[in-house]
Amino acid sequence: MMFNLLRSDLYRLIHGRKFWVVTVLSVLLTAGLLTTMMLIDTATGAAQTDADGISVTANAAAGLATTARMMDSHTAMLSSSGLGGSSLLSMFIAVLAVLVVMDDWDAGFVKNLIAGRRDRTAYDASRLLLSFLLTAWNTVAAIVSLELTCLALGIRYRHAESVGAYLGFCGLKVLGTAAFVLIVVALAMIVRSKAFGVAAAVLVGAGIMGSLTNIVLSAIAVHMPWATQLAQWLPSNNAKLYTDSAGLFATTSGGVSLGMPVWAHVLICFAGWIILSVGAALLVNRRRDVC
C-alpha cells in the first residue's frame, strides 16, 4: 500500500504546480542569488594574492574573489550559497512538504482511504518518504544549478576536492535539509494543522527555532551543566560545524573537542533527528482516529 500511495502522490505532484514552483524557487534562491552577486560585484573583503599571483578581493567567509571570479573550492561555494540547514531553501521545501502532506486531510480524502484500517503506518510512512524525496530533489536541483551557474560564469577554484569528499559533503547537506523538513512534517502530522506546519517551517527555516532552543538550553545549563552537551546535538548547530569538505575531518569546534570527526558527529545528529521525527509521527498516528 505504501508504494502505491507514493506513486500516486508523485504523479499528482509532477502534474501539479506546487512542485515546480518550489523547484524554481530553489534554483532562484541559490543560483540566482549567486549570479546576481557576481554580476553586480557586491562581494567585498580583504585584498590578497591567489596562487597564480593575481591580486584579488576575497570574501572572508566564502573565499569568493569578485575581481578574479574565484572561490576556495566547490564545497565552499555550495556552503556560501546558503545550501541546507536553517535557510530559505529548507523553509520553502518544508512548506511544500507540509502542504502536500496535509492536502489529503483538507480534501477529506484520507478519511475514505484509511478510515477502515486499524494500522495506518503505511499511509503515514508514505507521507514521510514523500517529504524526504521532495527534499532530496530540491536540494540536488539547487546543487546542480549552482555548479552550472559557476561553470557558465567562468568561476575558478583554488582547491579541488576528491570526488568522495565532494559527494560526502553533498550527501550531508541533503541529509541535513531532510532532518529540518522531517521535523516540521512530523510536527504537522501530529498536530494535524496545515497552518501550524507552515508556521513551524518558517520558524525553522529562519533559524528562529534553533536560536530559541539554544537560549533555553543556555538558561537550563546554569543549574544543570549537562544541558550544554545537548546543544551540540541540535541540527541547527551541526549545520554550522563545517563550511567545506576539508572541515568534515576536524575533531574540534570552537576549541571544544567533539570526540569524533565532524562528519561522524553531523551524520549521527541528522540521522538521529530523522529517526526520532519519523518514529514520533508513526507512533502517534498509528491507531489515531482520522476524524
Protein backbone atom coordinates (compact mmCIF):
# COMPACT_ATOMS: atom_id res chain seq x y z
CA MET A 1 0.00 0.00 0.00
CA MET A 2 2.77 2.45 0.91
CA PHE A 3 4.43 2.35 -2.51
CA ASN A 4 1.11 2.53 -4.34
CA LEU A 5 0.26 5.68 -2.40
CA LEU A 6 3.73 7.07 -3.06
CA ARG A 7 3.42 6.51 -6.81
CA SER A 8 0.02 8.19 -6.82
CA ASP A 9 1.38 11.18 -4.91
CA LEU A 10 4.38 11.54 -7.19
CA TYR A 11 2.11 11.52 -10.22
CA ARG A 12 -0.09 14.24 -8.74
CA LEU A 13 2.93 16.31 -7.78
CA ILE A 14 4.63 16.18 -11.16
CA HIS A 15 1.38 17.21 -12.86
CA GLY A 16 0.70 19.96 -10.32
CA ARG A 17 2.06 23.46 -9.83
CA LYS A 18 3.35 23.48 -6.24
CA PHE A 19 6.16 21.07 -7.03
CA TRP A 20 7.53 23.08 -9.94
CA VAL A 21 7.05 26.45 -8.25
CA VAL A 22 9.19 25.34 -5.29
CA THR A 23 11.78 23.81 -7.63
CA VAL A 24 12.11 27.12 -9.47
CA LEU A 25 12.36 28.96 -6.15
CA SER A 26 15.10 26.56 -5.03
CA VAL A 27 17.11 27.41 -8.14
CA LEU A 28 16.49 31.16 -7.84
CA LEU A 29 17.41 31.22 -4.16
CA THR A 30 20.78 29.61 -4.86
CA ALA A 31 21.99 30.02 -8.43
CA GLY A 32 20.03 33.21 -8.99
CA LEU A 33 21.43 34.83 -5.88
CA LEU A 34 24.97 33.77 -6.74
CA THR A 35 24.63 35.13 -10.28
CA THR A 36 23.31 38.45 -9.04
CA MET A 37 26.14 38.77 -6.51
CA MET A 38 28.75 38.06 -9.16
CA LEU A 39 27.27 40.33 -11.82
CA ILE A 40 26.80 43.39 -9.62
CA ASP A 41 30.17 42.78 -7.97
CA THR A 42 28.96 43.36 -4.41
CA ALA A 43 31.06 40.80 -2.57
CA THR A 44 33.86 42.53 -0.73
CA GLY A 45 36.55 41.53 1.72
CA ALA A 46 40.27 41.55 2.35
CA ALA A 47 42.72 42.04 -0.50
CA GLN A 48 45.05 39.11 -1.10
CA THR A 49 47.09 37.37 -3.76
CA ASP A 50 45.99 34.00 -5.06
CA ALA A 51 48.15 31.03 -6.05
CA ASP A 52 48.62 32.46 -9.57
CA GLY A 53 49.93 35.76 -8.24
CA ILE A 54 46.75 37.61 -9.16
CA SER A 55 45.61 40.33 -6.78
CA VAL A 56 42.03 39.57 -5.79
CA THR A 57 39.39 40.81 -3.39
CA ALA A 58 38.20 37.86 -1.36
CA ASN A 59 35.12 37.30 0.75
CA ALA A 60 36.39 36.13 4.14
CA ALA A 61 33.51 33.68 4.65
CA ALA A 62 33.31 32.08 1.23
CA GLY A 63 36.70 32.73 -0.34
CA LEU A 64 34.89 34.48 -3.22
CA ALA A 65 37.08 36.72 -5.33
CA THR A 66 34.91 39.14 -7.30
CA THR A 67 37.75 40.55 -9.39
CA ALA A 68 39.04 37.15 -10.49
CA ARG A 69 35.79 35.18 -10.10
CA MET A 70 37.48 32.63 -7.87
CA MET A 71 36.33 30.54 -4.91
CA ASP A 72 38.15 28.34 -2.43
CA SER A 73 36.51 25.09 -3.54
CA HIS A 74 33.31 23.59 -4.90
CA THR A 75 32.07 22.71 -1.42
CA ALA A 76 32.93 26.18 -0.07
CA MET A 77 30.86 27.63 -2.91
CA LEU A 78 27.90 25.38 -2.06
CA SER A 79 28.10 26.26 1.61
CA SER A 80 28.38 30.01 0.99
CA SER A 81 25.26 29.86 -1.18
CA GLY A 82 23.01 29.09 1.77
CA LEU A 83 22.56 25.41 0.97
CA GLY A 84 20.93 23.30 3.68
CA GLY A 85 20.45 23.92 7.38
CA SER A 86 18.35 26.85 8.56
CA SER A 87 17.87 28.70 5.30
CA LEU A 88 15.21 29.96 2.91
CA LEU A 89 15.78 26.85 0.83
CA SER A 90 14.92 24.49 3.69
CA MET A 91 11.95 26.73 4.59
CA PHE A 92 10.43 26.54 1.10
CA ILE A 93 10.95 22.77 0.91
CA ALA A 94 9.37 22.31 4.35
CA VAL A 95 6.37 24.46 3.36
CA LEU A 96 5.89 22.39 0.20
CA ALA A 97 6.12 19.14 2.17
CA VAL A 98 3.55 20.35 4.72
CA LEU A 99 1.12 21.46 2.00
CA VAL A 100 1.44 18.13 0.19
CA VAL A 101 1.06 16.03 3.35
CA MET A 102 -1.93 17.98 4.65
CA ASP A 103 -3.78 18.15 1.31
CA ASP A 104 -5.42 14.78 1.94
CA TRP A 105 -6.75 15.96 5.28
CA ASP A 106 -8.16 19.18 3.87
CA ALA A 107 -9.83 17.37 0.98
CA GLY A 108 -11.22 14.63 3.23
CA PHE A 109 -9.56 12.00 1.04
CA VAL A 110 -7.70 10.46 3.96
CA LYS A 111 -10.96 9.61 5.76
CA ASN A 112 -12.12 7.46 2.87
CA LEU A 113 -8.70 5.95 2.35
CA ILE A 114 -7.77 4.73 5.82
CA ALA A 115 -10.90 5.09 7.97
CA GLY A 116 -11.46 1.34 7.90
CA ARG A 117 -7.87 0.37 8.70
CA ARG A 118 -6.67 -0.14 12.25
CA ASP A 119 -2.98 0.27 11.42
CA ARG A 120 -2.24 3.44 9.44
CA THR A 121 1.54 3.06 9.43
CA ALA A 122 1.75 2.50 5.66
CA TYR A 123 -0.10 5.72 4.91
CA ASP A 124 1.95 7.83 7.33
CA ALA A 125 5.19 6.24 6.13
CA SER A 126 4.35 7.17 2.54
CA ARG A 127 3.83 10.82 3.62
CA LEU A 128 7.21 10.90 5.35
CA LEU A 129 9.02 9.16 2.49
CA LEU A 130 7.45 11.61 0.04
CA SER A 131 8.74 14.50 2.15
CA PHE A 132 12.25 13.03 2.07
CA LEU A 133 12.11 12.61 -1.72
CA LEU A 134 10.93 16.21 -2.15
CA THR A 135 13.85 17.36 -0.02
CA ALA A 136 16.38 15.31 -1.97
CA TRP A 137 15.03 16.54 -5.32
CA ASN A 138 15.11 20.24 -4.44
CA THR A 139 18.50 20.07 -2.71
CA VAL A 140 20.10 18.22 -5.63
CA ALA A 141 18.44 20.66 -8.07
CA ALA A 142 20.00 23.54 -6.12
CA ILE A 143 23.44 21.88 -6.14
CA VAL A 144 23.33 21.19 -9.88
CA SER A 145 22.11 24.68 -10.70
CA LEU A 146 24.88 26.22 -8.58
CA GLU A 147 27.57 24.17 -10.31
CA LEU A 148 26.20 25.00 -13.78
CA THR A 149 25.98 28.69 -12.87
CA CYS A 150 29.60 28.76 -11.73
CA LEU A 151 30.62 26.95 -14.92
CA ALA A 152 28.74 29.50 -17.05
CA LEU A 153 30.28 32.42 -15.15
CA GLY A 154 33.77 31.03 -15.56
CA ILE A 155 34.45 30.74 -11.84
CA ARG A 156 37.72 29.06 -10.88
CA TYR A 157 38.60 27.19 -7.68
CA ARG A 158 41.76 27.41 -5.56
CA HIS A 159 41.42 23.88 -4.22
CA ALA A 160 39.98 20.74 -5.77
CA GLU A 161 38.31 18.11 -3.58
CA SER A 162 38.28 14.42 -4.28
CA VAL A 163 35.06 13.00 -5.71
CA GLY A 164 34.43 11.12 -2.46
CA ALA A 165 34.83 14.24 -0.30
CA TYR A 166 32.54 16.23 -2.60
CA LEU A 167 29.82 13.58 -2.67
CA GLY A 168 30.09 13.11 1.10
CA PHE A 169 29.64 16.86 1.62
CA CYS A 170 26.60 16.94 -0.70
CA GLY A 171 25.14 13.86 0.99
CA LEU A 172 25.36 15.52 4.41
CA LYS A 173 23.75 18.66 3.02
CA VAL A 174 20.82 16.60 1.70
CA LEU A 175 20.57 14.72 4.99
CA GLY A 176 20.71 17.95 7.00
CA THR A 177 17.94 19.59 4.98
CA ALA A 178 15.89 16.38 5.27
CA ALA A 179 16.26 16.48 9.06
CA PHE A 180 14.85 20.03 9.17
CA VAL A 181 11.99 19.17 6.80
CA LEU A 182 11.00 15.93 8.51
CA ILE A 183 10.94 17.59 11.94
CA VAL A 184 8.45 20.12 10.54
CA VAL A 185 6.37 17.49 8.72
CA ALA A 186 6.26 15.24 11.80
CA LEU A 187 5.00 18.16 13.92
CA ALA A 188 2.35 18.98 11.30
CA MET A 189 1.19 15.34 11.18
CA ILE A 190 1.00 15.10 14.96
CA VAL A 191 -0.87 18.39 15.40
CA ARG A 192 -2.83 17.87 12.13
CA SER A 193 -2.76 21.53 11.24
CA LYS A 194 -1.52 22.96 7.96
CA ALA A 195 -1.25 26.44 9.50
CA PHE A 196 0.87 25.09 12.35
CA GLY A 197 3.10 23.22 9.90
CA VAL A 198 3.68 26.30 7.73
CA ALA A 199 4.44 28.39 10.82
CA ALA A 200 6.91 25.75 12.03
CA ALA A 201 8.57 25.72 8.59
CA VAL A 202 9.06 29.48 8.74
CA LEU A 203 10.44 29.36 12.30
CA VAL A 204 12.85 26.54 11.42
CA GLY A 205 13.90 27.99 8.06
CA ALA A 206 14.53 31.43 9.53
CA GLY A 207 16.67 29.90 12.29
CA ILE A 208 14.37 31.25 15.00
CA MET A 209 13.59 27.82 16.43
CA GLY A 210 17.26 26.91 16.69
CA SER A 211 18.14 30.22 18.35
CA LEU A 212 15.31 29.91 20.88
CA THR A 213 16.32 26.35 21.72
CA ASN A 214 19.91 27.45 22.29
CA ILE A 215 18.73 30.23 24.61
CA VAL A 216 16.58 27.81 26.61
CA LEU A 217 19.40 25.27 26.91
CA SER A 218 21.82 28.02 27.99
CA ALA A 219 19.41 29.07 30.74
CA ILE A 220 18.99 25.48 31.90
CA ALA A 221 22.77 24.93 31.83
CA VAL A 222 23.18 27.49 34.63
CA HIS A 223 21.60 24.97 37.01
CA MET A 224 22.20 21.79 35.02
CA PRO A 225 25.61 21.90 33.27
CA TRP A 226 24.86 18.74 31.30
CA ALA A 227 22.35 20.73 29.21
CA THR A 228 25.31 22.29 27.39
CA GLN A 229 26.02 18.91 25.83
CA LEU A 230 22.51 18.79 24.36
CA ALA A 231 23.14 21.95 22.34
CA GLN A 232 25.88 20.10 20.44
CA TRP A 233 23.23 17.77 19.02
CA LEU A 234 20.82 20.37 17.70
CA PRO A 235 20.50 20.18 13.87
CA SER A 236 20.97 23.94 13.53
CA ASN A 237 24.27 23.82 15.41
CA ASN A 238 25.57 20.83 13.47
CA ALA A 239 24.79 22.53 10.17
CA LYS A 240 27.29 25.23 11.19
CA LEU A 241 30.12 22.84 12.04
CA TYR A 242 31.50 22.66 8.51
CA THR A 243 31.76 25.06 5.59
CA ASP A 244 33.60 22.83 3.13
CA SER A 245 34.72 19.24 2.68
CA ALA A 246 38.03 19.86 4.49
CA GLY A 247 36.13 20.86 7.63
CA LEU A 248 34.44 17.47 7.77
CA PHE A 249 37.60 15.86 9.11
CA ALA A 250 38.16 18.27 12.03
CA THR A 251 37.67 16.89 15.54
CA THR A 252 37.13 20.19 17.34
CA SER A 253 34.67 23.06 17.01
CA GLY A 254 35.24 26.45 18.61
CA GLY A 255 38.11 24.96 20.56
CA VAL A 256 35.87 22.25 22.03
CA SER A 257 36.59 18.60 21.25
CA LEU A 258 33.74 16.72 19.59
CA GLY A 259 35.24 13.34 20.40
CA MET A 260 34.92 12.31 16.75
CA PRO A 261 35.34 13.78 13.26
CA VAL A 262 32.82 16.46 12.28
CA TRP A 263 31.34 14.28 9.54
CA ALA A 264 30.57 11.49 12.04
CA HIS A 265 29.06 13.92 14.56
CA VAL A 266 26.88 15.53 11.88
CA LEU A 267 25.84 12.18 10.42
CA ILE A 268 24.76 10.82 13.82
CA CYS A 269 22.92 14.05 14.64
CA PHE A 270 20.98 14.34 11.38
CA ALA A 271 20.19 10.61 11.18
CA GLY A 272 19.12 10.61 14.84
CA TRP A 273 16.70 13.52 14.36
CA ILE A 274 15.24 11.92 11.24
CA ILE A 275 14.67 8.64 13.09
CA LEU A 276 13.20 10.49 16.08
CA SER A 277 10.83 12.56 13.91
CA VAL A 278 9.68 9.62 11.80
CA GLY A 279 9.27 7.40 14.85
CA ALA A 280 7.21 10.02 16.72
CA ALA A 281 4.91 10.64 13.73
CA LEU A 282 4.33 6.93 13.12
CA LEU A 283 3.80 6.12 16.81
CA VAL A 284 1.33 8.94 17.50
CA ASN A 285 -0.73 8.39 14.34
CA ARG A 286 -0.61 4.60 14.20
CA ARG A 287 -4.10 3.97 15.56
CA ARG A 288 -5.33 7.51 15.86
CA ASP A 289 -8.85 8.38 14.74
CA VAL A 290 -8.80 10.09 11.34
CA CYS A 291 -11.79 12.27 12.17
